[in-house]
């Protein structure tokens, strides 16, 4: 990071700390990111870092909060700009892919938190994100069925699960391939297949 955060207000320092963790997670295992590494990345001492966060867990909770707020805002904005429920689902799908492509450290952190033992504040934030995301999908799918754009036989819960699972699959393949370009390339064709499964034949 080029910005030196040594004399910034507390809120701005916290925001820059979160961005530093997201950047670090893009190139290394999030579970191995230490407060020493975060402070070094920001050109700070650990003491300066802990003036704004009581411990590493508090940093991770702030990171998960950052992810949740920005991802949901991104997909909400995409959905609002679409003309129909099905178009909104596609816009959300592509916006989600774009968000991950711009922040490749995010899925590493999300997967890592969900695999951790115990019910940490950061893990609770991830679970809340998934629930809120699912609520949005449920509402759009039900609206699409009511407007006869989606087939009435669609299982709303299953369709929502498949939507999220499809994105996770694309993300996982991109991580295995070592880059995000495959995810960007494959996403449109993958959504076509998903759309065929839920679209009404009217």
Protein backbone atom coordinates (compact mmCIF):
# COMPACT_ATOMS: atom_id res chain seq x y z
CA UNK A 1 0.00 0.00 0.00
CA UNK A 2 1.34 3.44 -0.88
CA UNK A 3 -0.67 5.43 1.65
CA UNK A 4 1.04 5.93 4.99
CA UNK A 5 -1.64 5.63 7.67
CA UNK A 6 0.46 6.88 10.60
CA UNK A 7 -1.48 10.07 11.25
CA UNK A 8 -4.98 9.22 10.04
CA UNK A 9 -8.25 9.44 12.02
CA UNK A 10 -9.30 6.23 13.78
CA UNK A 11 -12.09 5.29 11.34
CA UNK A 12 -9.84 5.78 8.35
CA UNK A 13 -7.04 3.81 9.99
CA UNK A 14 -9.44 0.94 10.63
CA UNK A 15 -10.62 1.01 7.01
CA UNK A 16 -7.07 0.93 5.70
CA UNK A 17 -6.27 -1.97 8.02
CA UNK A 18 -9.18 -3.95 6.59
CA UNK A 19 -8.05 -3.20 3.03
CA UNK A 20 -4.54 -4.34 3.95
CA UNK A 21 -5.87 -7.72 5.13
CA UNK A 22 -7.91 -8.14 1.93
CA UNK A 23 -4.79 -7.39 -0.13
CA UNK A 24 -2.65 -9.83 1.85
CA UNK A 25 -5.28 -12.58 1.55
CA UNK A 26 -5.08 -12.35 -2.24
CA UNK A 27 -1.52 -13.69 -2.19
CA UNK A 28 -1.29 -15.89 0.89
CA UNK A 29 -3.27 -18.21 3.12
CA UNK A 30 -5.51 -15.99 5.30
CA UNK A 31 -4.98 -18.33 8.23
CA UNK A 32 -1.26 -17.49 8.14
CA UNK A 33 -1.72 -13.70 8.10
CA UNK A 34 -0.31 -12.40 11.36
CA UNK A 35 -0.71 -9.01 12.99
CA UNK A 36 3.01 -8.58 12.38
CA UNK A 37 2.47 -9.05 8.64
CA UNK A 38 -0.48 -6.64 8.64
CA UNK A 39 1.49 -3.96 10.49
CA UNK A 40 4.48 -4.42 8.18
CA UNK A 41 2.23 -4.13 5.10
CA UNK A 42 0.94 -0.83 6.48
CA UNK A 43 4.37 0.45 7.59
CA UNK A 44 3.20 0.50 11.21
CA UNK A 45 4.20 -1.11 14.47
CA UNK A 46 1.97 -3.74 16.05
CA UNK A 47 1.39 -1.32 18.90
CA UNK A 48 -0.05 1.24 16.48
CA UNK A 49 -2.28 -1.44 14.97
CA UNK A 50 -3.65 -2.51 18.35
CA UNK A 51 -4.58 1.04 19.28
CA UNK A 52 -7.53 0.59 16.92
CA UNK A 53 -8.24 -3.12 17.32
CA UNK A 54 -8.05 -4.94 20.67
CA UNK A 55 -6.93 -8.20 19.07
CA UNK A 56 -6.63 -10.12 15.79
CA UNK A 57 -10.19 -11.45 16.12
CA UNK A 58 -11.50 -7.88 16.08
CA UNK A 59 -9.57 -7.23 12.86
CA UNK A 60 -11.08 -10.32 11.25
CA UNK A 61 -14.58 -9.31 12.32
CA UNK A 62 -14.06 -5.87 10.75
CA UNK A 63 -12.85 -7.52 7.54
CA UNK A 64 -15.91 -9.78 7.33
CA UNK A 65 -18.15 -6.77 8.00
CA UNK A 66 -16.41 -4.91 5.14
CA UNK A 67 -16.96 -7.86 2.80
CA UNK A 68 -20.62 -8.24 3.72
CA UNK A 69 -21.44 -4.54 3.32
CA UNK A 70 -19.70 -4.16 -0.02
CA UNK A 71 -20.82 -7.42 -1.60
CA UNK A 72 -24.47 -6.90 -0.66
CA UNK A 73 -24.34 -3.28 -1.83
CA UNK A 74 -22.85 -4.40 -5.14
CA UNK A 75 -25.45 -7.08 -5.85
CA UNK A 76 -28.31 -4.82 -4.67
CA UNK A 77 -27.20 -2.09 -7.05
CA UNK A 78 -26.99 -4.59 -9.93
CA UNK A 79 -30.44 -6.02 -9.18
CA UNK A 80 -32.09 -2.59 -8.98
CA UNK A 81 -30.82 -1.70 -12.44
CA UNK A 82 -32.39 -4.80 -14.01
CA UNK A 83 -35.84 -4.79 -15.58
CA UNK A 84 -37.13 -8.22 -14.53
CA UNK A 85 -36.49 -10.74 -11.74
CA UNK A 86 -34.56 -13.05 -14.07
CA UNK A 87 -32.47 -10.17 -15.37
CA UNK A 88 -31.86 -9.16 -11.75
CA UNK A 89 -30.61 -12.65 -10.91
CA UNK A 90 -28.20 -12.53 -13.83
CA UNK A 91 -27.01 -9.06 -12.86
CA UNK A 92 -26.40 -10.24 -9.28
CA UNK A 93 -24.52 -13.28 -10.54
CA UNK A 94 -22.20 -11.21 -12.73
CA UNK A 95 -21.76 -8.51 -10.07
CA UNK A 96 -20.74 -11.16 -7.53
CA UNK A 97 -18.21 -12.63 -9.96
CA UNK A 98 -16.83 -9.16 -10.67
CA UNK A 99 -16.51 -8.42 -6.94
CA UNK A 100 -14.53 -11.61 -6.35
CA UNK A 101 -12.35 -10.97 -9.39
CA UNK A 102 -11.46 -7.54 -8.00
CA UNK A 103 -10.90 -8.90 -4.48
CA UNK A 104 -9.51 -12.45 -4.89
CA UNK A 105 -8.60 -12.61 -1.22
CA UNK A 106 -12.25 -12.45 -0.19
CA UNK A 107 -13.28 -16.06 -0.99
CA UNK A 108 -10.13 -17.35 0.69
CA UNK A 109 -11.16 -15.56 3.88
CA UNK A 110 -14.82 -16.61 3.67
CA UNK A 111 -13.97 -20.28 3.16
CA UNK A 112 -11.41 -20.07 5.93
CA UNK A 113 -13.85 -18.58 8.44
CA UNK A 114 -16.55 -21.16 7.70
CA UNK A 115 -14.07 -23.97 8.33
CA UNK A 116 -12.95 -22.63 11.71
CA UNK A 117 -14.05 -24.43 14.85
CA UNK A 118 -16.27 -22.52 17.23
CA UNK A 119 -18.66 -19.66 16.64
CA UNK A 120 -16.43 -16.60 16.37
CA UNK A 121 -17.81 -13.09 15.67
CA UNK A 122 -16.20 -13.18 12.21
CA UNK A 123 -17.81 -16.54 11.45
CA UNK A 124 -21.18 -15.22 12.61
CA UNK A 125 -20.76 -12.30 10.21
CA UNK A 126 -20.13 -14.69 7.31
CA UNK A 127 -23.22 -16.71 8.22
CA UNK A 128 -25.27 -13.51 8.41
CA UNK A 129 -23.99 -12.50 4.97
CA UNK A 130 -25.05 -15.84 3.51
CA UNK A 131 -28.49 -15.56 5.11
CA UNK A 132 -29.07 -12.02 3.84
CA UNK A 133 -27.86 -12.99 0.37
CA UNK A 134 -30.23 -15.95 0.41
CA UNK A 135 -33.14 -13.72 1.41
CA UNK A 136 -32.53 -11.57 -1.65
CA UNK A 137 -32.44 -14.59 -3.92
CA UNK A 138 -35.63 -16.05 -2.40
CA UNK A 139 -37.50 -12.78 -2.96
CA UNK A 140 -36.39 -12.48 -6.59
CA UNK A 141 -37.19 -16.10 -7.40
CA UNK A 142 -40.66 -15.85 -5.83
CA UNK A 143 -41.28 -12.60 -7.72
CA UNK A 144 -40.19 -14.28 -10.96
CA UNK A 145 -42.59 -17.14 -10.34
CA UNK A 146 -45.45 -14.74 -9.56
CA UNK A 147 -44.80 -12.94 -12.86
CA UNK A 148 -44.59 -16.23 -14.75
CA UNK A 149 -41.02 -15.44 -15.79
CA UNK A 150 -39.78 -18.44 -13.82
CA UNK A 151 -41.49 -21.80 -13.88
CA UNK A 152 -43.86 -22.38 -10.96
CA UNK A 153 -42.26 -25.78 -10.32
CA UNK A 154 -38.96 -24.20 -9.29
CA UNK A 155 -37.99 -25.04 -5.71
CA UNK A 156 -37.03 -21.61 -4.38
CA UNK A 157 -34.66 -22.89 -1.70
CA UNK A 158 -32.94 -25.28 -4.09
CA UNK A 159 -32.63 -22.60 -6.78
CA UNK A 160 -31.07 -20.20 -4.26
CA UNK A 161 -28.65 -22.87 -3.06
CA UNK A 162 -27.67 -23.71 -6.63
CA UNK A 163 -27.13 -20.01 -7.44
CA UNK A 164 -24.67 -19.57 -4.57
CA UNK A 165 -23.10 -22.99 -5.11
CA UNK A 166 -22.50 -22.23 -8.79
CA UNK A 167 -20.61 -19.07 -7.92
CA UNK A 168 -18.61 -20.96 -5.30
CA UNK A 169 -17.71 -23.57 -7.92
CA UNK A 170 -16.48 -20.94 -10.35
CA UNK A 171 -14.47 -19.30 -7.59
CA UNK A 172 -12.92 -22.59 -6.51
CA UNK A 173 -11.90 -23.44 -10.08
CA UNK A 174 -10.32 -20.01 -10.49
CA UNK A 175 -8.35 -20.46 -7.26
CA UNK A 176 -7.12 -23.85 -8.45
CA UNK A 177 -6.20 -22.38 -11.83
CA UNK A 178 -4.27 -19.59 -10.13
CA UNK A 179 -6.14 -16.66 -11.66
CA UNK A 180 -9.53 -14.96 -11.99
CA UNK A 181 -9.72 -14.74 -15.79
CA UNK A 182 -11.21 -18.20 -16.12
CA UNK A 183 -14.00 -17.22 -13.73
CA UNK A 184 -14.82 -14.12 -15.76
CA UNK A 185 -14.75 -16.13 -18.99
CA UNK A 186 -16.86 -19.04 -17.75
CA UNK A 187 -19.51 -17.10 -15.79
CA UNK A 188 -21.80 -16.04 -18.70
CA UNK A 189 -22.05 -19.55 -20.14
CA UNK A 190 -22.60 -21.08 -16.72
CA UNK A 191 -25.46 -18.69 -15.98
CA UNK A 192 -27.11 -19.63 -19.29
CA UNK A 193 -27.37 -23.20 -18.04
CA UNK A 194 -28.74 -22.05 -14.67
CA UNK A 195 -31.30 -19.82 -16.40
CA UNK A 196 -32.56 -22.67 -18.57
CA UNK A 197 -33.32 -24.65 -15.44
CA UNK A 198 -35.57 -22.04 -13.83
CA UNK A 199 -37.03 -20.04 -16.74
CA UNK A 200 -40.69 -20.41 -17.67
CA UNK A 201 -41.44 -21.85 -21.11
CA UNK A 202 -44.25 -19.34 -21.67
